[in-house]
N, C-alpha and C. Protein backbone atom coordinates (compact mmCIF):
# COMPACT_ATOMS: atom_id res chain seq x y z
N MET A 1 114.36 90.43 114.46
CA MET A 1 113.31 91.54 113.64
C MET A 1 113.99 92.89 114.08
N SER A 2 113.82 93.68 112.56
CA SER A 2 114.43 95.07 112.99
C SER A 2 113.50 96.10 113.34
N SER A 3 113.36 97.01 113.94
CA SER A 3 112.57 97.98 114.29
C SER A 3 112.53 99.29 113.03
N LEU A 4 111.49 99.57 112.74
CA LEU A 4 111.30 100.46 111.65
C LEU A 4 110.74 101.86 112.02
N SER A 5 110.96 102.68 111.65
CA SER A 5 110.24 104.05 112.30
C SER A 5 110.44 105.20 110.84
N THR A 6 109.57 106.03 110.89
CA THR A 6 109.47 107.26 109.70
C THR A 6 109.47 108.50 110.61
N HIS A 7 109.50 109.64 109.54
CA HIS A 7 109.33 110.94 110.01
C HIS A 7 108.92 111.78 108.94
N VAL A 8 107.90 112.33 108.59
CA VAL A 8 107.73 113.15 107.38
C VAL A 8 107.71 114.43 107.95
N LEU A 9 108.56 115.50 107.07
CA LEU A 9 108.38 116.62 107.19
C LEU A 9 108.08 117.56 105.79
N ASP A 10 107.40 118.41 106.25
CA ASP A 10 106.70 119.43 105.21
C ASP A 10 107.50 120.60 105.16
N THR A 11 108.43 120.26 103.87
CA THR A 11 109.43 121.37 103.77
C THR A 11 108.78 123.06 103.22
N MET A 12 107.90 122.90 102.63
CA MET A 12 106.94 124.00 102.16
C MET A 12 106.53 125.04 103.38
N ARG A 13 106.07 124.17 104.85
CA ARG A 13 105.67 124.96 105.65
C ARG A 13 107.02 124.92 107.00
N GLY A 14 107.87 124.08 106.85
CA GLY A 14 108.91 124.08 107.63
C GLY A 14 108.64 123.46 108.89
N GLY A 15 107.82 122.38 108.78
CA GLY A 15 107.54 121.58 110.17
C GLY A 15 107.05 120.21 109.80
N PRO A 16 106.81 119.63 110.67
CA PRO A 16 106.37 118.05 110.90
C PRO A 16 104.96 118.12 110.10
N ALA A 17 104.81 117.06 109.40
CA ALA A 17 103.54 116.58 108.25
C ALA A 17 102.88 115.88 109.11
N ALA A 18 101.69 116.25 110.09
CA ALA A 18 100.74 115.57 110.48
C ALA A 18 99.76 115.37 109.25
N GLY A 19 98.94 113.96 109.72
CA GLY A 19 97.78 113.51 109.13
C GLY A 19 98.23 112.90 107.67
N VAL A 20 99.67 112.45 107.38
CA VAL A 20 99.75 112.07 106.28
C VAL A 20 99.28 110.59 106.42
N ALA A 21 98.76 109.75 105.48
CA ALA A 21 98.26 108.62 105.38
C ALA A 21 99.35 107.77 104.81
N LEU A 22 99.75 106.84 105.23
CA LEU A 22 100.86 105.84 104.64
C LEU A 22 100.60 104.37 104.91
N ARG A 23 101.13 103.43 104.16
CA ARG A 23 101.13 102.13 104.20
C ARG A 23 102.51 101.51 104.01
N LEU A 24 102.64 100.38 104.47
CA LEU A 24 103.86 99.63 104.45
C LEU A 24 103.63 98.31 103.73
N TYR A 25 104.53 97.75 102.94
CA TYR A 25 103.99 96.71 102.01
C TYR A 25 105.18 95.91 101.84
N ARG A 26 105.10 94.37 101.60
CA ARG A 26 106.36 93.75 101.86
C ARG A 26 105.75 92.83 100.16
N GLY A 27 106.45 93.10 99.08
CA GLY A 27 105.51 92.12 97.95
C GLY A 27 104.08 93.15 97.78
N GLY A 28 103.64 92.29 97.37
CA GLY A 28 102.09 92.80 97.14
C GLY A 28 101.14 92.86 98.14
N GLU A 29 102.02 92.35 99.69
CA GLU A 29 100.99 92.20 100.77
C GLU A 29 101.00 93.91 101.57
N MET A 30 99.99 94.12 101.66
CA MET A 30 100.05 95.27 102.80
C MET A 30 100.10 95.16 104.39
N LEU A 31 100.84 95.32 104.92
CA LEU A 31 101.46 94.98 106.47
C LEU A 31 100.91 96.05 107.49
N HIS A 32 100.66 96.97 106.64
CA HIS A 32 100.35 98.13 107.95
C HIS A 32 99.86 99.33 107.41
N ALA A 33 98.83 100.21 107.62
CA ALA A 33 98.15 101.34 107.20
C ALA A 33 98.23 102.12 108.52
N GLY A 34 98.83 103.56 108.27
CA GLY A 34 98.53 104.48 109.59
C GLY A 34 98.77 105.90 108.95
N VAL A 35 98.83 106.52 110.07
CA VAL A 35 98.68 108.36 109.45
C VAL A 35 99.91 108.90 110.33
N THR A 36 100.53 109.74 110.16
CA THR A 36 101.30 110.57 110.89
C THR A 36 100.68 111.16 111.82
N ASN A 37 101.51 111.36 113.20
CA ASN A 37 100.76 112.17 114.39
C ASN A 37 101.21 113.80 114.39
N THR A 38 101.13 114.64 115.43
CA THR A 38 101.34 115.66 115.15
C THR A 38 102.90 116.09 114.84
N ASP A 39 103.56 114.89 115.30
CA ASP A 39 105.15 115.32 115.44
C ASP A 39 105.59 114.74 113.70
N GLY A 40 104.63 113.99 112.89
CA GLY A 40 105.01 113.76 111.45
C GLY A 40 105.46 112.37 111.48
N ARG A 41 105.33 111.77 112.57
CA ARG A 41 105.51 110.27 112.96
C ARG A 41 104.67 109.33 112.93
N CYS A 42 104.82 107.93 112.73
CA CYS A 42 103.81 106.79 112.78
C CYS A 42 104.33 105.81 113.85
N ALA A 43 103.83 105.96 114.88
CA ALA A 43 104.54 105.33 116.18
C ALA A 43 104.20 103.57 115.80
N ASP A 44 103.54 103.39 115.22
CA ASP A 44 103.06 102.16 115.68
C ASP A 44 103.40 100.98 114.26
N LEU A 45 104.52 101.52 113.55
CA LEU A 45 105.01 100.68 112.42
C LEU A 45 105.33 99.38 113.13
N PRO A 46 105.24 98.48 112.47
CA PRO A 46 105.50 96.96 112.99
C PRO A 46 106.93 96.66 112.78
N ALA A 47 107.64 95.72 113.49
CA ALA A 47 108.75 95.23 113.19
C ALA A 47 109.21 94.57 111.78
N VAL A 48 110.27 94.46 111.38
CA VAL A 48 110.27 93.48 110.30
C VAL A 48 111.38 92.88 110.15
N ALA A 49 111.16 91.73 109.15
CA ALA A 49 112.21 90.83 108.94
C ALA A 49 112.99 91.28 107.80
N ALA A 50 114.19 90.60 107.71
CA ALA A 50 114.74 90.85 106.50
C ALA A 50 114.21 90.69 105.30
N GLY A 51 114.44 91.89 104.06
CA GLY A 51 113.60 91.55 102.86
C GLY A 51 113.30 92.84 102.50
N SER A 52 112.90 92.94 101.22
CA SER A 52 112.50 94.01 100.56
C SER A 52 110.96 94.72 100.77
N TYR A 53 111.04 95.91 100.96
CA TYR A 53 109.71 96.58 101.33
C TYR A 53 109.44 97.89 100.65
N ARG A 54 108.18 98.46 100.89
CA ARG A 54 107.49 99.75 100.25
C ARG A 54 107.05 100.60 101.28
N LEU A 55 107.34 101.34 101.55
CA LEU A 55 106.19 102.81 102.14
C LEU A 55 105.87 103.21 101.20
N GLU A 56 104.47 103.89 101.25
CA GLU A 56 103.73 104.72 100.27
C GLU A 56 103.37 105.69 101.14
N PHE A 57 103.37 107.00 100.74
CA PHE A 57 102.89 108.12 101.65
C PHE A 57 101.94 108.51 100.56
N GLU A 58 100.84 109.38 101.08
CA GLU A 58 99.91 109.90 100.32
C GLU A 58 99.92 111.60 100.51
N ILE A 59 101.02 111.71 99.75
CA ILE A 59 101.53 113.25 99.82
C ILE A 59 100.61 114.38 99.01
N GLY A 60 100.25 114.06 97.77
CA GLY A 60 99.20 114.51 97.45
C GLY A 60 97.66 115.19 98.24
N ALA A 61 97.31 114.17 98.39
CA ALA A 61 95.88 114.49 99.68
C ALA A 61 96.42 115.16 100.62
N TYR A 62 97.86 115.07 101.59
CA TYR A 62 98.09 115.88 102.54
C TYR A 62 98.24 117.30 102.02
N PHE A 63 98.75 117.82 101.12
CA PHE A 63 99.09 119.02 100.59
C PHE A 63 97.65 119.62 100.14
N LEU A 64 97.10 118.84 99.62
CA LEU A 64 95.49 119.48 99.05
C LEU A 64 94.46 119.72 100.33
N GLY A 65 94.71 118.76 101.31
CA GLY A 65 93.77 119.07 102.69
C GLY A 65 94.63 120.33 103.56
N ARG A 66 95.78 120.53 103.15
CA ARG A 66 96.13 121.96 103.52
C ARG A 66 96.05 123.30 102.79
N GLY A 67 95.58 123.21 101.89
CA GLY A 67 95.03 124.18 101.03
C GLY A 67 96.13 124.59 99.89
N ALA A 68 96.84 123.74 99.73
CA ALA A 68 98.20 124.12 99.12
C ALA A 68 97.35 124.31 97.19
N ALA A 69 97.91 125.07 96.52
CA ALA A 69 97.19 125.17 95.31
C ALA A 69 97.81 124.44 94.50
N LEU A 70 97.49 123.15 94.19
CA LEU A 70 98.03 122.17 93.52
C LEU A 70 97.36 121.73 92.06
N PRO A 71 97.71 121.32 90.97
CA PRO A 71 97.26 120.87 89.82
C PRO A 71 96.70 119.59 90.10
N ARG A 72 95.35 119.28 89.26
CA ARG A 72 94.74 118.08 89.28
C ARG A 72 94.93 117.32 88.15
N PRO A 73 95.54 115.93 88.15
CA PRO A 73 95.98 115.55 89.46
C PRO A 73 97.52 116.41 90.11
N PRO A 74 97.98 115.93 91.43
CA PRO A 74 98.96 116.67 91.75
C PRO A 74 100.29 116.16 90.81
N PHE A 75 101.40 116.72 91.19
CA PHE A 75 102.59 116.40 90.57
C PHE A 75 103.00 115.22 91.34
N LEU A 76 103.16 115.19 92.43
CA LEU A 76 103.22 114.10 93.66
C LEU A 76 101.80 113.56 94.39
N GLY A 77 101.24 112.34 93.79
CA GLY A 77 100.26 111.82 94.36
C GLY A 77 100.56 111.05 95.44
N VAL A 78 101.25 109.90 95.41
CA VAL A 78 101.96 109.02 96.33
C VAL A 78 103.27 108.81 96.02
N VAL A 79 104.07 109.08 97.06
CA VAL A 79 105.42 108.79 97.31
C VAL A 79 105.93 107.67 97.70
N PRO A 80 106.40 106.73 96.69
CA PRO A 80 106.68 105.33 97.34
C PRO A 80 108.18 105.48 97.35
N ILE A 81 108.78 105.04 98.62
CA ILE A 81 110.00 104.46 98.94
C ILE A 81 110.49 102.83 98.90
N ALA A 82 111.25 102.52 98.42
CA ALA A 82 111.56 100.81 98.44
C ALA A 82 112.70 101.01 99.12
N PHE A 83 112.65 99.83 100.02
CA PHE A 83 113.92 99.77 100.58
C PHE A 83 114.21 98.55 100.87
N GLY A 84 115.21 97.94 101.52
CA GLY A 84 115.83 96.75 101.83
C GLY A 84 116.28 96.63 103.49
N VAL A 85 115.99 95.90 104.23
CA VAL A 85 116.08 95.33 105.49
C VAL A 85 117.15 94.16 105.23
N ALA A 86 118.44 94.79 105.61
CA ALA A 86 119.23 93.56 106.00
C ALA A 86 120.11 93.13 107.20
N GLU A 87 120.09 94.13 107.98
CA GLU A 87 120.30 93.92 109.39
C GLU A 87 119.48 93.00 110.26
N PRO A 88 119.40 91.75 110.54
CA PRO A 88 118.37 91.05 111.44
C PRO A 88 117.72 91.88 112.67
N ASP A 89 118.92 92.57 113.11
CA ASP A 89 118.49 93.20 114.38
C ASP A 89 118.40 94.80 114.25
N GLY A 90 118.77 95.41 113.08
CA GLY A 90 118.90 96.85 113.10
C GLY A 90 117.69 97.64 113.47
N HIS A 91 118.13 98.81 113.23
CA HIS A 91 116.94 99.82 113.23
C HIS A 91 116.90 100.64 112.32
N TYR A 92 115.79 100.69 111.26
CA TYR A 92 115.43 101.08 110.33
C TYR A 92 114.58 102.44 110.46
N HIS A 93 115.51 103.61 110.24
CA HIS A 93 114.42 105.02 110.29
C HIS A 93 114.43 105.56 108.62
N ILE A 94 113.56 105.83 108.33
CA ILE A 94 113.36 106.23 107.02
C ILE A 94 112.74 108.05 106.81
N PRO A 95 112.92 108.87 107.10
CA PRO A 95 112.37 110.32 107.10
C PRO A 95 112.52 110.64 105.54
N LEU A 96 111.33 111.62 105.56
CA LEU A 96 110.85 111.84 104.15
C LEU A 96 110.60 113.29 104.32
N LEU A 97 111.38 113.88 103.68
CA LEU A 97 111.42 115.54 103.38
C LEU A 97 110.51 115.93 102.39
N VAL A 98 109.39 116.64 102.42
CA VAL A 98 108.28 116.59 101.25
C VAL A 98 107.70 118.10 100.96
N SER A 99 108.11 118.47 99.22
CA SER A 99 106.86 119.49 99.22
C SER A 99 105.89 119.06 98.15
N PRO A 100 105.39 120.01 97.65
CA PRO A 100 104.56 119.55 96.76
C PRO A 100 104.88 118.94 95.32
N TYR A 101 106.37 119.44 94.93
CA TYR A 101 107.02 119.19 93.91
C TYR A 101 108.10 118.41 93.86
N GLY A 102 109.00 118.01 95.16
CA GLY A 102 109.93 117.19 95.27
C GLY A 102 110.12 116.55 96.75
N TYR A 103 110.92 115.67 96.92
CA TYR A 103 111.25 114.95 97.96
C TYR A 103 112.44 114.44 97.97
N SER A 104 112.96 114.14 99.31
CA SER A 104 114.14 113.39 99.67
C SER A 104 113.97 112.38 100.78
N THR A 105 114.76 111.59 100.62
CA THR A 105 115.12 110.56 101.86
C THR A 105 116.24 109.96 102.22
N TYR A 106 116.66 109.06 103.35
CA TYR A 106 117.95 108.79 103.56
C TYR A 106 117.59 107.54 104.70
N ARG A 107 118.41 106.80 105.04
CA ARG A 107 118.40 105.95 106.02
C ARG A 107 118.92 106.68 107.37
N GLY A 108 117.94 107.09 108.26
CA GLY A 108 118.63 107.82 109.27
C GLY A 108 119.08 106.94 110.87
N GLY A 109 119.04 107.70 111.74
CA GLY A 109 119.84 106.73 113.04
C GLY A 109 118.75 106.68 113.78
């Protein structure tokens, strides 16, 4: 099994994004639901086997909850990141750098 971690950074404020709801899916099955902590991390993501997965981040709700002036519906409501796990004993770190109108991600270390 491979370990999985994520880190959400709010590029509008320049710091960790605490309180972002997220979900992990494999196919149509939800494997985990959680919320980022004060450091923008979700510490209790499960280990994953080889396969295809999707993380979904509730970004619109996060920015609305912080008082951002956003249209209704927000431009980014849910940010989905589809990714593959190929290494049976690897570590997959998926950072999300996000603002109300854009995001980037990559496989971190």
